Each structure stands twice: as C-alpha cells, then as structure tokens.
Amino acid sequence: MNFHNLIRNKIIPENKLPQLLSYWRFKGFKIVFTNGCFDILHLGHVDYLSKARLLGDILIIGLNTDDSVTRLKGNDRPINKQEARAQMLASMIFVDAVVYFGEDTPYELIKIVQPDILVKGSDYKPEDIVGADIVLDKGGTIETIDFLDGYSTSGLIEKLRK
C-alpha cells in the first residue's frame, strides 16, 4: 500500500468536495467539520481532532492557507507551510478530508460542506462560532471540545523562543 498517496488523496481541492459530500450523504454518513491553522501539530490537536471525529462518521478539516495564517497570526507565521500542515493532518487515521480556505474565516467553505456537526474549541461560545447559522438552519448541531491543558501552538512557540 502506498501511504503517501493515501495521505495526499485526503487533501481535497474545494471543487472536488461536492462530489465527495454527495457520496458520503448517500451513504448516510454524519459529517463533522472543524477548522484551524494547525501550525505546529501537538498532542492537544490530536486530542481535539480525535474527539471531533467521534461525534460523527466523517471529519473534514478546513485548513487556513499560509496567507490567511499570516493575516491572522502575524508575519512570523505560519511556521510550517500549508502543504506540510495538510499532510500532517491527513496522515491521522481519524481525519477524512483536509480542504484549504484562504479567507479569514471558513464561512464560505462551511456553506459548501453543510456539515451535520460544527466543532470548535470550548474557548468559543456556540452562538459566536462562524458558520453556526448555516449548520443550525439545516438542523445540525454545534459542539465545543475542551482543550488539553498545557498544549497550545502559541505556548510551544514561546517555549522555543526562551
């Protein structure tokens, strides 16, 4: 088995997403969506994403492009380029698809995905989560997941700087 191809095939161009979504919906799968920069993967990310996947059958990750990470986090970010971040995420067994988005929020991508469950960290109030209106309007749910204490990308970067 060629694991490299298996990983690369999980990185889905936005224009190929509707076909996959149709197939998954035809199969009756519950689709979970979350998003983020995932700049330096750590145990907190693994914990969060594995818990998100447990909420449904398919986990789709909206991944900020390099340009959007820079706009959101500053000129010294991202640490890892989008291709590397996407491949790291796609290598996780519980991740089914990774899709780039270049805007500051994944709102337009959420409109395409129309997930059954939208997931963010518990630092967000459900009503403040981008795309909540789309998901709730179609009868979906919003879930928040607690972060694993002691793990954050910003914390890791700060530790490395010291």
N, C-alpha and C. Protein backbone atom coordinates (compact mmCIF):
# COMPACT_ATOMS: atom_id res chain seq x y z
N MET A 1 0.85 -1.19 0.00
CA MET A 1 0.00 0.00 0.00
C MET A 1 0.89 1.25 0.00
N ASN A 2 0.55 2.20 -0.81
CA ASN A 2 1.31 3.44 -0.89
C ASN A 2 0.69 4.47 0.06
N PHE A 3 1.27 4.60 1.25
CA PHE A 3 0.73 5.50 2.25
C PHE A 3 0.81 6.96 1.83
N HIS A 4 1.84 7.30 1.06
CA HIS A 4 1.97 8.68 0.60
C HIS A 4 0.74 9.08 -0.23
N ASN A 5 0.32 8.21 -1.14
CA ASN A 5 -0.87 8.51 -1.96
C ASN A 5 -2.13 8.55 -1.11
N LEU A 6 -2.23 7.66 -0.14
CA LEU A 6 -3.39 7.64 0.75
C LEU A 6 -3.52 8.97 1.48
N ILE A 7 -2.40 9.49 1.96
CA ILE A 7 -2.39 10.78 2.66
C ILE A 7 -2.73 11.91 1.69
N ARG A 8 -2.06 11.95 0.55
CA ARG A 8 -2.28 13.03 -0.44
C ARG A 8 -3.73 13.04 -0.94
N ASN A 9 -4.35 11.87 -1.04
CA ASN A 9 -5.73 11.79 -1.54
C ASN A 9 -6.75 12.35 -0.55
N LYS A 10 -6.35 12.55 0.69
CA LYS A 10 -7.25 13.16 1.68
C LYS A 10 -7.24 14.69 1.60
N ILE A 11 -6.29 15.25 0.86
CA ILE A 11 -6.23 16.71 0.68
C ILE A 11 -7.05 17.02 -0.56
N ILE A 12 -8.23 17.57 -0.31
CA ILE A 12 -9.25 17.68 -1.35
C ILE A 12 -9.35 19.12 -1.87
N PRO A 13 -9.22 19.31 -3.19
CA PRO A 13 -9.48 20.64 -3.75
C PRO A 13 -10.95 20.99 -3.54
N GLU A 14 -11.22 22.24 -3.27
CA GLU A 14 -12.60 22.68 -2.98
C GLU A 14 -13.58 22.27 -4.08
N ASN A 15 -13.13 22.31 -5.34
CA ASN A 15 -14.04 21.98 -6.44
C ASN A 15 -14.38 20.49 -6.51
N LYS A 16 -13.63 19.62 -5.83
CA LYS A 16 -13.92 18.18 -5.79
C LYS A 16 -14.78 17.80 -4.59
N LEU A 17 -14.94 18.74 -3.66
CA LEU A 17 -15.66 18.46 -2.42
C LEU A 17 -17.14 18.10 -2.63
N PRO A 18 -17.88 18.80 -3.49
CA PRO A 18 -19.30 18.45 -3.64
C PRO A 18 -19.55 16.99 -4.04
N GLN A 19 -18.70 16.44 -4.88
CA GLN A 19 -18.86 15.04 -5.30
C GLN A 19 -18.66 14.10 -4.10
N LEU A 20 -17.63 14.35 -3.32
CA LEU A 20 -17.39 13.53 -2.13
C LEU A 20 -18.53 13.66 -1.12
N LEU A 21 -18.98 14.90 -0.91
CA LEU A 21 -20.07 15.13 0.03
C LEU A 21 -21.34 14.39 -0.40
N SER A 22 -21.62 14.39 -1.69
CA SER A 22 -22.79 13.67 -2.20
C SER A 22 -22.68 12.18 -1.90
N TYR A 23 -21.50 11.63 -2.12
CA TYR A 23 -21.28 10.20 -1.85
C TYR A 23 -21.48 9.90 -0.36
N TRP A 24 -20.85 10.71 0.49
CA TRP A 24 -20.96 10.47 1.94
C TRP A 24 -22.39 10.62 2.42
N ARG A 25 -23.11 11.58 1.88
CA ARG A 25 -24.51 11.77 2.28
C ARG A 25 -25.37 10.61 1.77
N PHE A 26 -25.09 10.15 0.56
CA PHE A 26 -25.80 8.99 0.02
C PHE A 26 -25.63 7.78 0.93
N LYS A 27 -24.45 7.63 1.48
CA LYS A 27 -24.14 6.52 2.40
C LYS A 27 -24.74 6.74 3.80
N GLY A 28 -25.28 7.94 4.04
CA GLY A 28 -25.89 8.23 5.34
C GLY A 28 -24.91 8.63 6.42
N PHE A 29 -23.71 9.04 6.01
CA PHE A 29 -22.69 9.41 6.99
C PHE A 29 -22.99 10.77 7.61
N LYS A 30 -22.73 10.89 8.89
CA LYS A 30 -22.84 12.15 9.62
C LYS A 30 -21.51 12.89 9.45
N ILE A 31 -21.58 14.11 8.91
CA ILE A 31 -20.37 14.87 8.57
C ILE A 31 -20.06 15.91 9.64
N VAL A 32 -18.83 15.85 10.13
CA VAL A 32 -18.32 16.76 11.15
C VAL A 32 -17.31 17.69 10.48
N PHE A 33 -17.38 18.97 10.83
CA PHE A 33 -16.44 19.95 10.27
C PHE A 33 -15.81 20.75 11.41
N THR A 34 -14.52 20.96 11.29
CA THR A 34 -13.81 21.91 12.14
C THR A 34 -12.76 22.60 11.29
N ASN A 35 -12.15 23.61 11.84
CA ASN A 35 -11.15 24.35 11.06
C ASN A 35 -10.07 24.90 11.98
N GLY A 36 -8.97 25.32 11.35
CA GLY A 36 -7.90 25.94 12.11
C GLY A 36 -6.64 26.08 11.27
N CYS A 37 -5.63 26.64 11.94
CA CYS A 37 -4.32 26.83 11.30
C CYS A 37 -3.46 25.57 11.45
N PHE A 38 -3.53 24.93 12.61
CA PHE A 38 -2.77 23.71 12.90
C PHE A 38 -1.31 23.87 12.48
N ASP A 39 -0.70 24.95 12.97
CA ASP A 39 0.64 25.32 12.52
C ASP A 39 1.73 24.37 13.02
N ILE A 40 1.73 24.09 14.29
CA ILE A 40 2.66 23.11 14.85
C ILE A 40 1.79 22.06 15.54
N LEU A 41 1.65 20.91 14.92
CA LEU A 41 0.79 19.88 15.50
C LEU A 41 1.36 19.38 16.82
N HIS A 42 0.47 19.21 17.78
CA HIS A 42 0.87 18.74 19.11
C HIS A 42 -0.25 17.87 19.67
N LEU A 43 -0.02 17.30 20.84
CA LEU A 43 -0.97 16.39 21.46
C LEU A 43 -2.34 17.03 21.64
N GLY A 44 -2.40 18.31 21.90
CA GLY A 44 -3.68 18.99 22.04
C GLY A 44 -4.51 18.90 20.76
N HIS A 45 -3.85 19.04 19.61
CA HIS A 45 -4.55 18.91 18.33
C HIS A 45 -5.06 17.49 18.13
N VAL A 46 -4.23 16.52 18.42
CA VAL A 46 -4.62 15.12 18.25
C VAL A 46 -5.83 14.81 19.12
N ASP A 47 -5.79 15.25 20.37
CA ASP A 47 -6.90 15.02 21.30
C ASP A 47 -8.18 15.67 20.77
N TYR A 48 -8.09 16.94 20.38
CA TYR A 48 -9.24 17.70 19.88
C TYR A 48 -9.84 17.05 18.63
N LEU A 49 -8.99 16.74 17.66
CA LEU A 49 -9.48 16.19 16.39
C LEU A 49 -10.05 14.79 16.55
N SER A 50 -9.44 13.97 17.39
CA SER A 50 -9.97 12.62 17.60
C SER A 50 -11.33 12.68 18.29
N LYS A 51 -11.51 13.61 19.22
CA LYS A 51 -12.80 13.79 19.88
C LYS A 51 -13.84 14.33 18.90
N ALA A 52 -13.43 15.22 18.01
CA ALA A 52 -14.35 15.74 17.00
C ALA A 52 -14.83 14.61 16.11
N ARG A 53 -13.95 13.74 15.69
CA ARG A 53 -14.30 12.62 14.81
C ARG A 53 -15.28 11.66 15.46
N LEU A 54 -15.18 11.51 16.78
CA LEU A 54 -16.09 10.62 17.50
C LEU A 54 -17.54 11.11 17.45
N LEU A 55 -17.76 12.36 17.09
CA LEU A 55 -19.10 12.93 17.03
C LEU A 55 -19.86 12.53 15.76
N GLY A 56 -19.15 11.99 14.78
CA GLY A 56 -19.79 11.63 13.52
C GLY A 56 -19.01 10.57 12.78
N ASP A 57 -19.29 10.46 11.47
CA ASP A 57 -18.68 9.42 10.64
C ASP A 57 -17.54 9.93 9.77
N ILE A 58 -17.59 11.19 9.41
CA ILE A 58 -16.61 11.80 8.50
C ILE A 58 -16.13 13.09 9.15
N LEU A 59 -14.81 13.27 9.23
CA LEU A 59 -14.24 14.51 9.75
C LEU A 59 -13.55 15.27 8.63
N ILE A 60 -14.06 16.47 8.37
CA ILE A 60 -13.47 17.36 7.37
C ILE A 60 -12.83 18.52 8.13
N ILE A 61 -11.58 18.81 7.78
CA ILE A 61 -10.86 19.93 8.39
C ILE A 61 -10.69 21.03 7.35
N GLY A 62 -11.16 22.22 7.68
CA GLY A 62 -10.86 23.41 6.89
C GLY A 62 -9.54 23.95 7.38
N LEU A 63 -8.55 24.01 6.51
CA LEU A 63 -7.20 24.42 6.88
C LEU A 63 -6.88 25.79 6.29
N ASN A 64 -6.53 26.74 7.15
CA ASN A 64 -6.13 28.07 6.68
C ASN A 64 -4.92 27.97 5.77
N THR A 65 -4.96 28.68 4.64
CA THR A 65 -3.79 28.78 3.77
C THR A 65 -2.71 29.59 4.47
N ASP A 66 -1.52 29.56 3.93
CA ASP A 66 -0.41 30.33 4.51
C ASP A 66 -0.75 31.82 4.59
N ASP A 67 -1.32 32.36 3.52
CA ASP A 67 -1.67 33.79 3.52
C ASP A 67 -2.66 34.13 4.63
N SER A 68 -3.66 33.28 4.82
CA SER A 68 -4.65 33.60 5.86
C SER A 68 -4.06 33.43 7.26
N VAL A 69 -3.15 32.48 7.44
CA VAL A 69 -2.47 32.34 8.74
C VAL A 69 -1.66 33.61 9.04
N THR A 70 -0.94 34.10 8.06
CA THR A 70 -0.14 35.32 8.24
C THR A 70 -1.03 36.50 8.62
N ARG A 71 -2.16 36.65 7.94
CA ARG A 71 -3.08 37.74 8.28
C ARG A 71 -3.61 37.61 9.70
N LEU A 72 -3.90 36.39 10.11
CA LEU A 72 -4.49 36.17 11.44
C LEU A 72 -3.47 36.16 12.57
N LYS A 73 -2.27 35.62 12.32
CA LYS A 73 -1.32 35.37 13.39
C LYS A 73 -0.08 36.27 13.36
N GLY A 74 0.16 36.94 12.23
CA GLY A 74 1.32 37.82 12.14
C GLY A 74 2.34 37.34 11.12
N ASN A 75 3.30 38.22 10.83
CA ASN A 75 4.27 37.95 9.75
C ASN A 75 5.23 36.79 10.02
N ASP A 76 5.37 36.38 11.27
CA ASP A 76 6.27 35.27 11.57
C ASP A 76 5.56 33.91 11.53
N ARG A 77 4.33 33.91 11.08
CA ARG A 77 3.55 32.67 10.99
C ARG A 77 3.02 32.51 9.57
N PRO A 78 2.83 31.33 9.08
CA PRO A 78 2.95 30.07 9.79
C PRO A 78 4.40 29.61 9.90
N ILE A 79 4.63 28.75 10.84
CA ILE A 79 5.94 28.12 10.99
C ILE A 79 6.08 27.06 9.89
N ASN A 80 5.05 26.25 9.72
CA ASN A 80 5.03 25.20 8.70
C ASN A 80 4.13 25.62 7.54
N LYS A 81 4.58 25.36 6.34
CA LYS A 81 3.82 25.71 5.13
C LYS A 81 2.55 24.86 5.04
N GLN A 82 1.58 25.36 4.28
CA GLN A 82 0.27 24.71 4.22
C GLN A 82 0.34 23.27 3.73
N GLU A 83 1.21 22.97 2.79
CA GLU A 83 1.31 21.59 2.29
C GLU A 83 1.76 20.65 3.40
N ALA A 84 2.71 21.09 4.22
CA ALA A 84 3.19 20.27 5.33
C ALA A 84 2.10 20.10 6.38
N ARG A 85 1.40 21.20 6.69
CA ARG A 85 0.32 21.12 7.68
C ARG A 85 -0.79 20.20 7.20
N ALA A 86 -1.14 20.30 5.92
CA ALA A 86 -2.19 19.45 5.35
C ALA A 86 -1.80 17.98 5.39
N GLN A 87 -0.57 17.67 5.04
CA GLN A 87 -0.14 16.27 5.03
C GLN A 87 -0.09 15.69 6.44
N MET A 88 0.33 16.50 7.41
CA MET A 88 0.34 16.03 8.80
C MET A 88 -1.08 15.70 9.26
N LEU A 89 -2.02 16.60 8.97
CA LEU A 89 -3.41 16.35 9.35
C LEU A 89 -3.98 15.12 8.62
N ALA A 90 -3.72 15.05 7.32
CA ALA A 90 -4.25 13.95 6.52
C ALA A 90 -3.66 12.60 6.92
N SER A 91 -2.52 12.59 7.56
CA SER A 91 -1.91 11.33 7.98
C SER A 91 -2.61 10.71 9.19
N MET A 92 -3.46 11.50 9.85
CA MET A 92 -4.18 10.99 11.02
C MET A 92 -5.32 10.09 10.56
N ILE A 93 -5.43 8.93 11.16
CA ILE A 93 -6.41 7.94 10.74
C ILE A 93 -7.85 8.43 10.88
N PHE A 94 -8.11 9.33 11.82
CA PHE A 94 -9.48 9.80 12.07
C PHE A 94 -9.84 11.03 11.25
N VAL A 95 -8.95 11.50 10.40
CA VAL A 95 -9.22 12.63 9.50
C VAL A 95 -9.56 12.08 8.13
N ASP A 96 -10.71 12.51 7.59
CA ASP A 96 -11.14 12.01 6.29
C ASP A 96 -10.83 12.95 5.14
N ALA A 97 -10.80 14.25 5.40
CA ALA A 97 -10.53 15.22 4.34
C ALA A 97 -9.97 16.50 4.93
N VAL A 98 -9.05 17.10 4.19
CA VAL A 98 -8.49 18.41 4.52
C VAL A 98 -8.71 19.29 3.31
N VAL A 99 -9.31 20.46 3.54
CA VAL A 99 -9.62 21.39 2.46
C VAL A 99 -9.10 22.77 2.84
N TYR A 100 -8.30 23.38 1.96
CA TYR A 100 -7.77 24.72 2.22
C TYR A 100 -8.86 25.78 2.08
N PHE A 101 -8.73 26.84 2.88
CA PHE A 101 -9.52 28.05 2.64
C PHE A 101 -8.63 29.25 2.88
N GLY A 102 -8.76 30.26 2.02
CA GLY A 102 -7.88 31.41 2.06
C GLY A 102 -8.46 32.65 2.72
N GLU A 103 -9.74 32.59 3.08
CA GLU A 103 -10.37 33.73 3.74
C GLU A 103 -9.99 33.73 5.22
N ASP A 104 -10.37 34.79 5.91
CA ASP A 104 -10.06 34.86 7.34
C ASP A 104 -10.94 33.92 8.16
N THR A 105 -12.11 33.57 7.63
CA THR A 105 -12.99 32.61 8.29
C THR A 105 -13.39 31.54 7.28
N PRO A 106 -13.84 30.39 7.77
CA PRO A 106 -14.26 29.31 6.86
C PRO A 106 -15.72 29.39 6.44
N TYR A 107 -16.34 30.55 6.56
CA TYR A 107 -17.77 30.67 6.30
C TYR A 107 -18.17 30.13 4.93
N GLU A 108 -17.45 30.54 3.89
CA GLU A 108 -17.80 30.09 2.53
C GLU A 108 -17.61 28.58 2.38
N LEU A 109 -16.60 28.03 3.02
CA LEU A 109 -16.37 26.58 2.97
C LEU A 109 -17.47 25.84 3.73
N ILE A 110 -17.89 26.38 4.85
CA ILE A 110 -18.99 25.77 5.61
C ILE A 110 -20.28 25.78 4.78
N LYS A 111 -20.49 26.83 3.99
CA LYS A 111 -21.66 26.87 3.11
C LYS A 111 -21.62 25.71 2.10
N ILE A 112 -20.44 25.36 1.65
CA ILE A 112 -20.30 24.24 0.70
C ILE A 112 -20.47 22.91 1.43
N VAL A 113 -19.80 22.75 2.56
CA VAL A 113 -19.82 21.47 3.28
C VAL A 113 -21.19 21.17 3.88
N GLN A 114 -21.86 22.18 4.44
CA GLN A 114 -23.15 21.97 5.11
C GLN A 114 -23.04 20.82 6.12
N PRO A 115 -22.11 20.93 7.07
CA PRO A 115 -21.91 19.80 8.00
C PRO A 115 -23.11 19.56 8.89
N ASP A 116 -23.19 18.32 9.36
CA ASP A 116 -24.21 17.97 10.35
C ASP A 116 -23.80 18.48 11.73
N ILE A 117 -22.50 18.50 11.96
CA ILE A 117 -21.95 18.94 13.24
C ILE A 117 -20.78 19.88 12.98
N LEU A 118 -20.83 21.05 13.60
CA LEU A 118 -19.74 22.02 13.52
C LEU A 118 -19.05 22.04 14.87
N VAL A 119 -17.73 21.89 14.86
CA VAL A 119 -16.97 21.75 16.10
C VAL A 119 -15.91 22.84 16.21
N LYS A 120 -15.81 23.41 17.40
CA LYS A 120 -14.72 24.34 17.73
C LYS A 120 -14.30 24.07 19.17
N GLY A 121 -13.23 24.72 19.58
CA GLY A 121 -12.77 24.59 20.95
C GLY A 121 -13.72 25.28 21.92
N SER A 122 -13.67 24.87 23.17
CA SER A 122 -14.60 25.41 24.16
C SER A 122 -14.27 26.84 24.58
N ASP A 123 -13.23 27.42 23.97
CA ASP A 123 -12.97 28.84 24.19
C ASP A 123 -13.95 29.70 23.40
N TYR A 124 -14.74 29.07 22.54
CA TYR A 124 -15.80 29.75 21.77
C TYR A 124 -17.15 29.49 22.42
N LYS A 125 -18.02 30.50 22.38
CA LYS A 125 -19.43 30.28 22.72
C LYS A 125 -20.09 29.78 21.44
N PRO A 126 -20.95 28.76 21.55
CA PRO A 126 -21.56 28.20 20.34
C PRO A 126 -22.19 29.25 19.42
N GLU A 127 -22.84 30.24 19.98
CA GLU A 127 -23.50 31.25 19.15
C GLU A 127 -22.51 32.18 18.43
N ASP A 128 -21.24 32.17 18.85
CA ASP A 128 -20.22 33.02 18.22
C ASP A 128 -19.38 32.27 17.19
N ILE A 129 -19.64 31.00 17.00
CA ILE A 129 -18.84 30.20 16.08
C ILE A 129 -19.25 30.52 14.64
N VAL A 130 -18.26 30.84 13.82
CA VAL A 130 -18.51 31.15 12.41
C VAL A 130 -19.16 29.95 11.74
N GLY A 131 -20.26 30.20 11.07
CA GLY A 131 -20.98 29.15 10.35
C GLY A 131 -22.07 28.48 11.16
N ALA A 132 -22.20 28.85 12.43
CA ALA A 132 -23.24 28.24 13.27
C ALA A 132 -24.62 28.43 12.67
N ASP A 133 -24.86 29.60 12.09
CA ASP A 133 -26.17 29.86 11.48
C ASP A 133 -26.47 28.88 10.36
N ILE A 134 -25.49 28.57 9.55
CA ILE A 134 -25.67 27.65 8.42
C ILE A 134 -26.04 26.26 8.94
N VAL A 135 -25.29 25.80 9.94
CA VAL A 135 -25.48 24.45 10.47
C VAL A 135 -26.82 24.34 11.21
N LEU A 136 -27.13 25.32 12.02
CA LEU A 136 -28.38 25.28 12.78
C LEU A 136 -29.59 25.40 11.86
N ASP A 137 -29.49 26.20 10.80
CA ASP A 137 -30.60 26.36 9.85
C ASP A 137 -30.96 25.04 9.16
N LYS A 138 -29.97 24.17 8.99
CA LYS A 138 -30.24 22.88 8.34
C LYS A 138 -30.52 21.76 9.35
N GLY A 139 -30.64 22.13 10.63
CA GLY A 139 -30.96 21.14 11.66
C GLY A 139 -29.76 20.44 12.26
N GLY A 140 -28.55 20.97 12.00
CA GLY A 140 -27.35 20.39 12.56
C GLY A 140 -27.08 20.88 13.98
N THR A 141 -25.96 20.47 14.52
CA THR A 141 -25.60 20.86 15.88
C THR A 141 -24.23 21.50 15.94
N ILE A 142 -24.03 22.29 17.00
CA ILE A 142 -22.76 22.93 17.28
C ILE A 142 -22.20 22.27 18.53
N GLU A 143 -20.96 21.86 18.48
CA GLU A 143 -20.31 21.22 19.63
C GLU A 143 -19.02 21.94 19.94
N THR A 144 -18.70 22.03 21.22
CA THR A 144 -17.39 22.56 21.62
C THR A 144 -16.65 21.47 22.40
N ILE A 145 -15.35 21.49 22.25
CA ILE A 145 -14.49 20.49 22.88
C ILE A 145 -13.45 21.20 23.73
N ASP A 146 -13.30 20.75 24.96
CA ASP A 146 -12.28 21.32 25.84
C ASP A 146 -10.90 21.00 25.31
N PHE A 147 -10.01 21.98 25.46
CA PHE A 147 -8.62 21.77 25.06
C PHE A 147 -7.88 21.00 26.14
N LEU A 148 -6.86 20.30 25.73
CA LEU A 148 -5.99 19.58 26.64
C LEU A 148 -5.07 20.59 27.32
N ASP A 149 -5.12 20.65 28.63
CA ASP A 149 -4.30 21.62 29.37
C ASP A 149 -2.81 21.46 29.05
N GLY A 150 -2.15 22.60 28.89
CA GLY A 150 -0.71 22.60 28.70
C GLY A 150 -0.24 22.46 27.27
N TYR A 151 -1.18 22.42 26.32
CA TYR A 151 -0.80 22.26 24.92
C TYR A 151 -1.42 23.36 24.09
N SER A 152 -0.57 24.20 23.51
CA SER A 152 -1.02 25.22 22.56
C SER A 152 0.16 25.55 21.66
N THR A 153 -0.16 25.91 20.43
CA THR A 153 0.90 26.29 19.48
C THR A 153 1.62 27.54 19.98
N SER A 154 0.86 28.54 20.44
CA SER A 154 1.48 29.76 20.94
C SER A 154 2.40 29.47 22.13
N GLY A 155 1.95 28.56 23.01
CA GLY A 155 2.77 28.18 24.16
C GLY A 155 4.06 27.50 23.72
N LEU A 156 3.96 26.62 22.72
CA LEU A 156 5.16 25.95 22.22
C LEU A 156 6.14 26.94 21.59
N ILE A 157 5.61 27.87 20.81
CA ILE A 157 6.48 28.86 20.17
C ILE A 157 7.17 29.70 21.24
N GLU A 158 6.45 30.11 22.25
CA GLU A 158 7.03 30.89 23.34
C GLU A 158 8.11 30.11 24.08
N LYS A 159 7.85 28.85 24.32
CA LYS A 159 8.84 27.98 24.98
C LYS A 159 10.11 27.87 24.15
N LEU A 160 9.95 27.71 22.84
CA LEU A 160 11.11 27.61 21.96
C LEU A 160 11.90 28.91 21.91
N ARG A 161 11.21 30.04 21.99
CA ARG A 161 11.91 31.33 21.97
C ARG A 161 12.78 31.52 23.20
N LYS A 162 12.32 30.97 24.33
CA LYS A 162 13.09 31.11 25.58
C LYS A 162 14.30 30.22 25.54
